[in-house]
Every structure is written in C-alpha cells, then in structure tokens.
Amino acid sequence: MIRIFNTNWRGSQLDIKHIEAFVHVAKTGSFSKAAERLYLTQPSISARIKALENELGCSLFDRSAKAIGLNHAGRAFLPFAEEIIRHYQEGKLSVQNTNNVLAGELEFATVNIASNYLLPPITKKFYDQYPYIKLCIHTRSSMEVLDMVLAHDVPFGIARSVTHPKVENIPLIYDEIVLAVYPGHPFSSFKQISLKKIVNEPLICFNRGTADWALIYGAFKKAGVEPNIVLEIDNIEAMKQMVKQKIGIALLSRFTVEEEIRTESICVVPIQDALNIKRNLDLIFLKEQHFHGISQLFLTFLFNQFQKAEPKFLKAYSTGG
C-alpha cells in the first residue's frame, strides 16, 4: 500500500468555486472577463485564484503587465479542473432532477433571425419543462456571435455564414429563401419562380453592405440579371409590412413568414435557383469546448426540437423522463 502525506496540510480542502474561477481565467485569459462571467468583482476572482494556488502549493499563471497565461503547472491542472467542474455540475443536476427541481443559468449568443423567429417557441417548451433554468440570450450579428465564442464570453452561439479554424459548425436548420408577395400579386399562384422572372418587379431588399444583401444580390448576378431594388431596409418585420402595403416583393427566409402564411396575409413562392442562395443556421462553438450540465441539457433539447440526431460532441443527458 502506498500512502502520500502532505506535510503542509492544515485541514483545508479544494473549493469548487476556486476551481471554477481558475477554469474561467484560464479560458478567457483575463481576471476581469472571468469576473464578468461569474458575476463577481475582479478582487474576488483574484482572491479565489490565490486561495487555490495556496492550496496546491504553486502558482498556476504567468502574470505580466500585458497578459496572463497558464504556466506549466496551470496547464497540467486545467484538464483535471475541467473534469471536476463537469462532474460537479452533472452531479448537481442529477440531485436536482431527483427532487424534480432542475435549476441554474445558461448564457449564449444568437443572430436576430433566430432570436425573433426560431427561439421563442423552443424557449417556451424548454421553460415548460425546466422552469427554474434561466436563459440569458445575447442577440448579435453573425460575426459578433463568432467573436463572443472566440473570446469565451459564451460557450456556444447560433450564427450563419461564419467560419473560423478554431470553431466547429453544426447545421441546425436549412434557411430556405422564398419570394414573399402580397395576396393577389400575379406571382402568388406560381408553384415556383426563377430569379430571372422577377427582375422587373420592384424588390424590397436588405441594406446594402449587409451579409443578406450580398447573398441575394450575388444570386441575381450569378443568374446574369440585375435586380430592380426600390427600397433597402434592415428590419424583417418592416420588410413584411412593405410587402403587405404592395410597395414591392421581397426575398425572405421561409420561417420568418410562417405566421403570415398561416393568416394568408403574405404568399410565398419557392425560388427555382434556391441553390444560389442556400444557407444554414449553425450552432458554433470552440473545437476545444466541452459541454456538460445545463449547457449539455439545453443543446440536447435544442437538437431534439429540430428533430436532428444528437451530434457526437454531446453525451446524451437523461432527465429521467
């Protein structure tokens, strides 16, 4: 039998809050960012890191005036710290599930189109099942969502048309572009239509310079035609109102006009050249990111709502029905 004695032991023990602070500082490379993520002051984070280092008997970070990074000891300890946090959070959820009171908080970022049209019904279902879990959703542009993921400000985001060597992209939903017209418009009875067919129609489009404008304008150029853009605007709801007022027609994501289709206030026509303007809404996260606890629970729920098989990066989390 081998016994290891620590001559410096004074009855103290590792505190999960100290380990959590360490992981956040390690991931963000910043005491202040870690403090923001944990809703603490920077001195509190510093105190927790110092307490952890005292307990371990060594420094975990190389500190300088310009940057902070893990030293050799910190890099060695990080995977174990992450594993401790993972087991703690999963154990906490398991206990809460036993008592039928799953609680906690999850923060992530998403683009406007997802927060306005996709997430509300999903969030309602999630809250019906998990009323004590709080979601904190940041609505940003796709590039801003990417930046937040890269900066470890959020564990994941929902964006489109973004790529980065450090980031994994998992498609959530295919974003079908359709032609939106007012009832009674000559195109309203069409089964499908080509971009060339609509070039002479007044087109309401997204503002010049935006990713949506570039996508749609590029599709017309690829088809060898010039669109007749009569109005540019940066708000989907406003675009739909303009269509209803018969100012023009518009190319929009199908799921943004589901309500209007149901009420028959707008008619939609599939585009024959849809492959020219194909895009997805993707779940994006750092390739090194591990999901556990509430984040794992929510993502499993999210993929189930899109009726997609749970991807390999998620280990199935059972809530016991």
Protein backbone atom coordinates (compact mmCIF):
# COMPACT_ATOMS: atom_id res chain seq x y z
CA MET A 1 0.00 0.00 0.00
CA ILE A 2 1.29 3.46 -0.91
CA ARG A 3 0.37 6.44 1.22
CA ILE A 4 1.11 10.03 0.30
CA PHE A 5 1.26 12.58 3.07
CA ASN A 6 1.13 16.35 2.59
CA THR A 7 3.15 17.96 5.36
CA ASN A 8 1.56 21.34 4.59
CA TRP A 9 -1.99 20.06 5.15
CA ARG A 10 -3.93 22.06 7.73
CA GLY A 11 -7.39 20.60 7.29
CA SER A 12 -8.25 22.78 4.28
CA GLN A 13 -9.81 21.47 1.07
CA LEU A 14 -10.23 22.47 -2.54
CA ASP A 15 -13.25 24.75 -3.02
CA ILE A 16 -15.34 24.20 -6.16
CA LYS A 17 -15.71 27.99 -6.51
CA HIS A 18 -11.94 28.40 -6.58
CA ILE A 19 -11.63 25.76 -9.29
CA GLU A 20 -14.45 27.38 -11.28
CA ALA A 21 -12.66 30.74 -11.11
CA PHE A 22 -9.44 29.09 -12.28
CA VAL A 23 -11.13 27.49 -15.31
CA HIS A 24 -12.74 30.79 -16.36
CA VAL A 25 -9.48 32.74 -16.06
CA ALA A 26 -7.66 30.00 -17.97
CA LYS A 27 -10.22 30.03 -20.77
CA THR A 28 -10.62 33.81 -21.10
CA GLY A 29 -7.03 34.77 -20.30
CA SER A 30 -8.39 37.57 -18.16
CA PHE A 31 -9.29 38.07 -14.49
CA SER A 32 -11.77 40.80 -15.43
CA LYS A 33 -13.55 38.67 -18.06
CA ALA A 34 -13.74 35.77 -15.63
CA ALA A 35 -15.26 38.13 -13.05
CA GLU A 36 -17.89 39.25 -15.58
CA ARG A 37 -18.77 35.66 -16.47
CA LEU A 38 -19.18 34.72 -12.79
CA TYR A 39 -20.87 37.98 -11.75
CA LEU A 40 -18.07 38.75 -9.30
CA THR A 41 -15.59 41.54 -8.76
CA GLN A 42 -12.05 41.18 -10.07
CA PRO A 43 -10.61 41.20 -6.50
CA SER A 44 -12.92 38.27 -5.66
CA ILE A 45 -11.60 36.30 -8.63
CA SER A 46 -8.02 37.14 -7.65
CA ALA A 47 -8.69 36.00 -4.08
CA ARG A 48 -10.12 32.68 -5.27
CA ILE A 49 -7.17 32.04 -7.57
CA LYS A 50 -4.75 32.91 -4.77
CA ALA A 51 -6.55 30.55 -2.38
CA LEU A 52 -6.36 27.74 -4.96
CA GLU A 53 -2.66 28.36 -5.58
CA ASN A 54 -2.01 28.33 -1.83
CA GLU A 55 -3.85 25.04 -1.52
CA LEU A 56 -1.91 23.48 -4.40
CA GLY A 57 1.34 24.99 -3.20
CA CYS A 58 2.30 26.56 -6.51
CA SER A 59 1.47 29.35 -8.94
CA LEU A 60 -0.81 28.46 -11.85
CA PHE A 61 -0.38 31.51 -14.06
CA ASP A 62 2.41 33.51 -15.67
CA ARG A 63 1.46 37.08 -14.87
CA SER A 64 2.72 40.13 -16.74
CA ALA A 65 1.58 43.71 -17.26
CA LYS A 66 0.24 42.88 -20.73
CA ALA A 67 -1.14 39.36 -20.50
CA ILE A 68 -1.88 36.40 -18.28
CA GLY A 69 -1.48 32.79 -19.26
CA LEU A 70 -1.16 29.35 -17.76
CA ASN A 71 2.26 28.23 -16.67
CA HIS A 72 3.39 24.61 -16.76
CA ALA A 73 1.58 23.75 -13.52
CA GLY A 74 -1.59 25.51 -14.69
CA ARG A 75 -1.64 23.63 -17.99
CA ALA A 76 -1.17 20.36 -16.12
CA PHE A 77 -4.01 21.14 -13.70
CA LEU A 78 -6.55 22.51 -16.23
CA PRO A 79 -7.92 19.19 -17.61
CA PHE A 80 -8.43 17.90 -14.07
CA ALA A 81 -10.12 21.15 -13.04
CA GLU A 82 -12.48 20.93 -16.04
CA GLU A 83 -13.29 17.34 -15.14
CA ILE A 84 -14.05 18.34 -11.55
CA ILE A 85 -16.41 21.08 -12.75
CA ARG A 86 -18.07 18.71 -15.20
CA HIS A 87 -18.69 16.04 -12.56
CA TYR A 88 -19.89 18.63 -10.07
CA GLN A 89 -22.39 20.19 -12.48
CA GLU A 90 -23.69 16.83 -13.69
CA GLY A 91 -23.96 15.62 -10.10
CA LYS A 92 -25.80 18.80 -9.13
CA LEU A 93 -28.27 18.34 -12.00
CA SER A 94 -28.75 14.71 -11.05
CA VAL A 95 -29.64 15.66 -7.46
CA GLN A 96 -31.95 18.44 -8.69
CA ASN A 97 -33.58 16.01 -11.08
CA THR A 98 -34.21 13.61 -8.21
CA ASN A 99 -36.06 16.42 -6.46
CA ASN A 100 -37.73 17.49 -9.74
CA VAL A 101 -36.15 20.97 -9.45
CA LEU A 102 -33.53 21.48 -12.16
CA ALA A 103 -32.13 24.98 -11.68
CA GLY A 104 -29.30 27.13 -12.99
CA GLU A 105 -28.38 29.62 -15.68
CA LEU A 106 -27.16 29.38 -19.26
CA GLU A 107 -25.80 32.19 -21.43
CA PHE A 108 -25.35 32.09 -25.20
CA ALA A 109 -25.44 34.33 -28.28
CA THR A 110 -27.55 34.21 -31.43
CA VAL A 111 -28.40 36.17 -34.54
CA ASN A 112 -31.60 38.24 -34.74
CA ILE A 113 -33.37 35.90 -37.11
CA ALA A 114 -33.04 33.01 -34.65
CA SER A 115 -33.96 35.02 -31.56
CA ASN A 116 -37.02 36.54 -33.27
CA TYR A 117 -38.44 33.57 -35.17
CA LEU A 118 -36.94 30.26 -34.03
CA LEU A 119 -36.13 30.50 -30.34
CA PRO A 120 -39.42 31.84 -28.86
CA PRO A 121 -41.43 28.61 -29.31
CA ILE A 122 -38.40 26.48 -28.37
CA THR A 123 -37.77 28.60 -25.27
CA LYS A 124 -41.43 28.26 -24.27
CA LYS A 125 -41.21 24.47 -24.45
CA PHE A 126 -37.91 24.48 -22.56
CA TYR A 127 -39.31 26.68 -19.78
CA ASP A 128 -42.41 24.50 -19.55
CA GLN A 129 -40.12 21.57 -18.81
CA TYR A 130 -37.39 23.38 -16.85
CA PRO A 131 -38.99 26.46 -15.21
CA TYR A 132 -36.07 27.08 -12.84
CA ILE A 133 -33.38 27.27 -15.52
CA LYS A 134 -32.71 30.85 -16.65
CA LEU A 135 -31.55 31.55 -20.20
CA CYS A 136 -29.50 34.69 -20.94
CA ILE A 137 -29.59 35.28 -24.72
CA HIS A 138 -27.41 37.89 -26.44
CA THR A 139 -28.64 38.98 -29.88
CA ARG A 140 -25.79 39.96 -32.20
CA SER A 141 -24.70 39.82 -35.83
CA SER A 142 -23.12 36.57 -37.00
CA MET A 143 -19.59 37.99 -36.77
CA GLU A 144 -20.27 39.32 -33.28
CA VAL A 145 -21.59 35.91 -32.22
CA LEU A 146 -18.37 34.40 -33.55
CA ASP A 147 -16.30 36.95 -31.64
CA MET A 148 -18.13 36.14 -28.40
CA VAL A 149 -17.47 32.43 -28.88
CA LEU A 150 -13.79 33.04 -29.64
CA ALA A 151 -13.46 35.25 -26.56
CA HIS A 152 -15.06 32.59 -24.32
CA ASP A 153 -17.82 35.06 -23.48
CA VAL A 154 -20.38 32.36 -24.26
CA PRO A 155 -19.99 28.57 -24.60
CA PHE A 156 -21.81 28.49 -27.94
CA GLY A 157 -23.73 30.62 -30.42
CA ILE A 158 -26.18 30.38 -33.30
CA ALA A 159 -24.99 32.10 -36.48
CA ARG A 160 -24.75 31.68 -40.23
CA SER A 161 -22.11 32.03 -42.91
CA VAL A 162 -19.22 32.21 -40.44
CA THR A 163 -16.14 30.00 -40.40
CA HIS A 164 -13.01 30.00 -38.29
CA PRO A 165 -10.26 27.40 -37.84
CA LYS A 166 -10.87 27.29 -34.08
CA VAL A 167 -14.64 26.89 -34.38
CA GLU A 168 -16.88 23.90 -35.09
CA ASN A 169 -20.05 24.45 -37.17
CA ILE A 170 -23.05 22.12 -36.74
CA PRO A 171 -26.05 22.87 -39.01
CA LEU A 172 -29.31 23.34 -37.10
CA ILE A 173 -31.77 24.27 -39.82
CA TYR A 174 -31.68 24.94 -43.55
CA ASP A 175 -32.60 28.55 -44.21
CA GLU A 176 -34.80 28.41 -47.32
CA ILE A 177 -35.15 31.69 -49.19
CA VAL A 178 -38.58 32.26 -50.74
CA LEU A 179 -40.24 35.05 -52.67
CA ALA A 180 -42.76 36.90 -50.48
CA VAL A 181 -45.59 38.67 -52.32
CA TYR A 182 -48.93 40.18 -51.32
CA PRO A 183 -52.15 38.19 -51.98
CA GLY A 184 -53.44 38.85 -55.48
CA HIS A 185 -49.98 39.51 -56.93
CA PRO A 186 -49.56 37.77 -60.32
CA PHE A 187 -46.84 35.56 -58.80
CA SER A 188 -48.94 34.48 -55.80
CA SER A 189 -50.35 31.46 -57.67
CA PHE A 190 -46.97 30.27 -59.00
CA LYS A 191 -45.64 26.90 -57.80
CA GLN A 192 -42.07 28.21 -58.16
CA ILE A 193 -40.28 31.03 -59.89
CA SER A 194 -36.83 31.89 -61.24
CA LEU A 195 -34.79 34.95 -60.33
CA LYS A 196 -34.83 36.00 -63.98
CA LYS A 197 -38.63 36.11 -63.90
CA ILE A 198 -38.74 38.71 -61.11
CA VAL A 199 -36.03 41.16 -62.26
CA ASN A 200 -38.57 43.72 -63.48
CA GLU A 201 -40.58 43.65 -60.25
CA PRO A 202 -39.91 46.26 -57.53
CA LEU A 203 -37.77 44.44 -54.96
CA ILE A 204 -37.51 45.29 -51.27
CA CYS A 205 -34.07 44.24 -50.07
CA PHE A 206 -31.81 44.32 -47.03
CA ASN A 207 -29.47 47.28 -46.64
CA ARG A 208 -26.51 47.43 -48.97
CA GLY A 209 -23.35 46.08 -47.39
CA THR A 210 -25.06 43.55 -45.13
CA ALA A 211 -24.47 39.81 -45.48
CA ASP A 212 -28.11 39.33 -46.54
CA TRP A 213 -27.82 41.97 -49.26
CA ALA A 214 -24.60 40.40 -50.56
CA LEU A 215 -26.18 36.94 -50.59
CA ILE A 216 -29.29 37.99 -52.51
CA TYR A 217 -27.61 40.45 -54.87
CA GLY A 218 -24.90 37.87 -55.57
CA ALA A 219 -27.54 35.30 -56.52
CA PHE A 220 -29.01 37.69 -59.10
CA LYS A 221 -25.56 38.44 -60.51
CA LYS A 222 -24.82 34.72 -60.75
CA ALA A 223 -28.07 34.31 -62.69
CA GLY A 224 -26.85 37.04 -65.05
CA VAL A 225 -29.53 39.60 -64.18
CA GLU A 226 -29.78 42.88 -62.26
CA PRO A 227 -32.48 43.15 -59.56
CA ASN A 228 -34.81 46.16 -59.51
CA ILE A 229 -34.22 47.20 -55.88
CA VAL A 230 -36.59 50.02 -54.96
CA LEU A 231 -36.17 50.01 -51.20
CA GLU A 232 -33.46 48.91 -48.75
CA ILE A 233 -34.22 48.29 -45.08
CA ASP A 234 -32.59 46.45 -42.17
CA ASN A 235 -35.68 45.09 -40.44
CA ILE A 236 -37.52 41.92 -41.48
CA GLU A 237 -40.81 42.93 -39.85
CA ALA A 238 -40.70 46.25 -41.71
CA MET A 239 -39.97 44.43 -44.97
CA LYS A 240 -43.06 42.26 -44.49
CA GLN A 241 -45.20 45.34 -43.82
CA MET A 242 -43.86 46.94 -47.02
CA VAL A 243 -44.87 43.82 -48.97
CA LYS A 244 -48.35 43.91 -47.42
CA GLN A 245 -48.64 47.55 -48.50
CA LYS A 246 -47.85 46.43 -52.07
CA ILE A 247 -44.70 48.58 -52.26
CA GLY A 248 -42.80 45.63 -53.66
CA ILE A 249 -41.89 41.99 -53.24
CA ALA A 250 -39.07 40.54 -51.12
CA LEU A 251 -36.79 37.54 -50.75
CA LEU A 252 -37.04 36.28 -47.16
CA SER A 253 -36.29 33.22 -45.06
CA ARG A 254 -39.35 30.99 -45.05
CA PHE A 255 -39.51 30.65 -41.26
CA THR A 256 -39.75 34.46 -40.90
CA VAL A 257 -43.11 34.46 -42.71
CA GLU A 258 -44.73 31.37 -41.18
CA GLU A 259 -47.29 33.47 -39.31
CA GLU A 260 -48.18 35.44 -42.45
CA ILE A 261 -48.55 32.20 -44.42
CA ARG A 262 -50.92 30.90 -41.74
CA THR A 263 -53.04 34.08 -41.80
CA GLU A 264 -52.76 34.33 -45.61
CA SER A 265 -51.55 37.93 -45.38
CA ILE A 266 -48.45 37.08 -47.44
CA CYS A 267 -47.97 34.43 -50.13
CA VAL A 268 -44.64 32.72 -50.69
CA VAL A 269 -43.19 31.18 -53.83
CA PRO A 270 -40.16 28.84 -53.83
CA ILE A 271 -37.18 30.00 -55.89
CA GLN A 272 -36.03 27.70 -58.69
CA ASP A 273 -32.47 28.94 -58.26
CA ALA A 274 -32.58 28.30 -54.50
CA LEU A 275 -29.16 26.66 -54.55
CA ASN A 276 -27.69 30.07 -55.39
CA ILE A 277 -28.88 31.46 -52.06
CA LYS A 278 -28.52 28.43 -49.82
CA ARG A 279 -27.51 28.97 -46.21
CA ASN A 280 -27.86 27.33 -42.82
CA LEU A 281 -28.25 28.46 -39.27
CA ASP A 282 -25.39 26.79 -37.44
CA LEU A 283 -24.53 26.03 -33.86
CA ILE A 284 -20.97 27.29 -33.40
CA PHE A 285 -18.54 26.58 -30.58
CA LEU A 286 -14.82 26.25 -29.96
CA LYS A 287 -13.39 22.90 -31.04
CA GLU A 288 -11.88 22.52 -27.57
CA GLN A 289 -15.23 23.21 -25.87
CA HIS A 290 -16.76 20.51 -23.69
CA PHE A 291 -20.45 20.61 -22.83
CA HIS A 292 -21.86 19.38 -19.57
CA GLY A 293 -24.54 20.22 -17.05
CA ILE A 294 -27.14 22.74 -18.17
CA SER A 295 -25.43 23.58 -21.48
CA GLN A 296 -25.47 19.90 -22.42
CA LEU A 297 -29.09 19.62 -21.32
CA PHE A 298 -30.19 22.64 -23.39
CA LEU A 299 -28.30 21.61 -26.54
CA THR A 300 -29.76 18.11 -26.37
CA PHE A 301 -33.21 19.71 -26.06
CA LEU A 302 -32.42 22.08 -28.97
CA PHE A 303 -31.38 19.30 -31.34
CA ASN A 304 -34.49 17.33 -30.41
CA GLN A 305 -36.66 20.33 -31.38
CA PHE A 306 -35.05 20.40 -34.81
CA GLN A 307 -35.57 16.63 -34.99
CA LYS A 308 -31.88 16.09 -35.55
CA ALA A 309 -29.82 13.21 -34.25
CA GLU A 310 -27.75 14.21 -31.26
CA PRO A 311 -24.24 15.00 -32.56
CA LYS A 312 -21.19 13.14 -31.31
CA PHE A 313 -19.87 16.10 -29.31
CA LEU A 314 -22.84 15.75 -26.92
CA LYS A 315 -23.08 12.89 -24.50
CA ALA A 316 -26.74 12.03 -24.00
CA TYR A 317 -28.13 13.54 -20.80
CA SER A 318 -31.17 11.80 -19.42
CA THR A 319 -33.57 13.75 -17.24
CA GLY A 320 -35.47 10.65 -16.28
CA GLY A 321 -38.50 11.45 -18.44
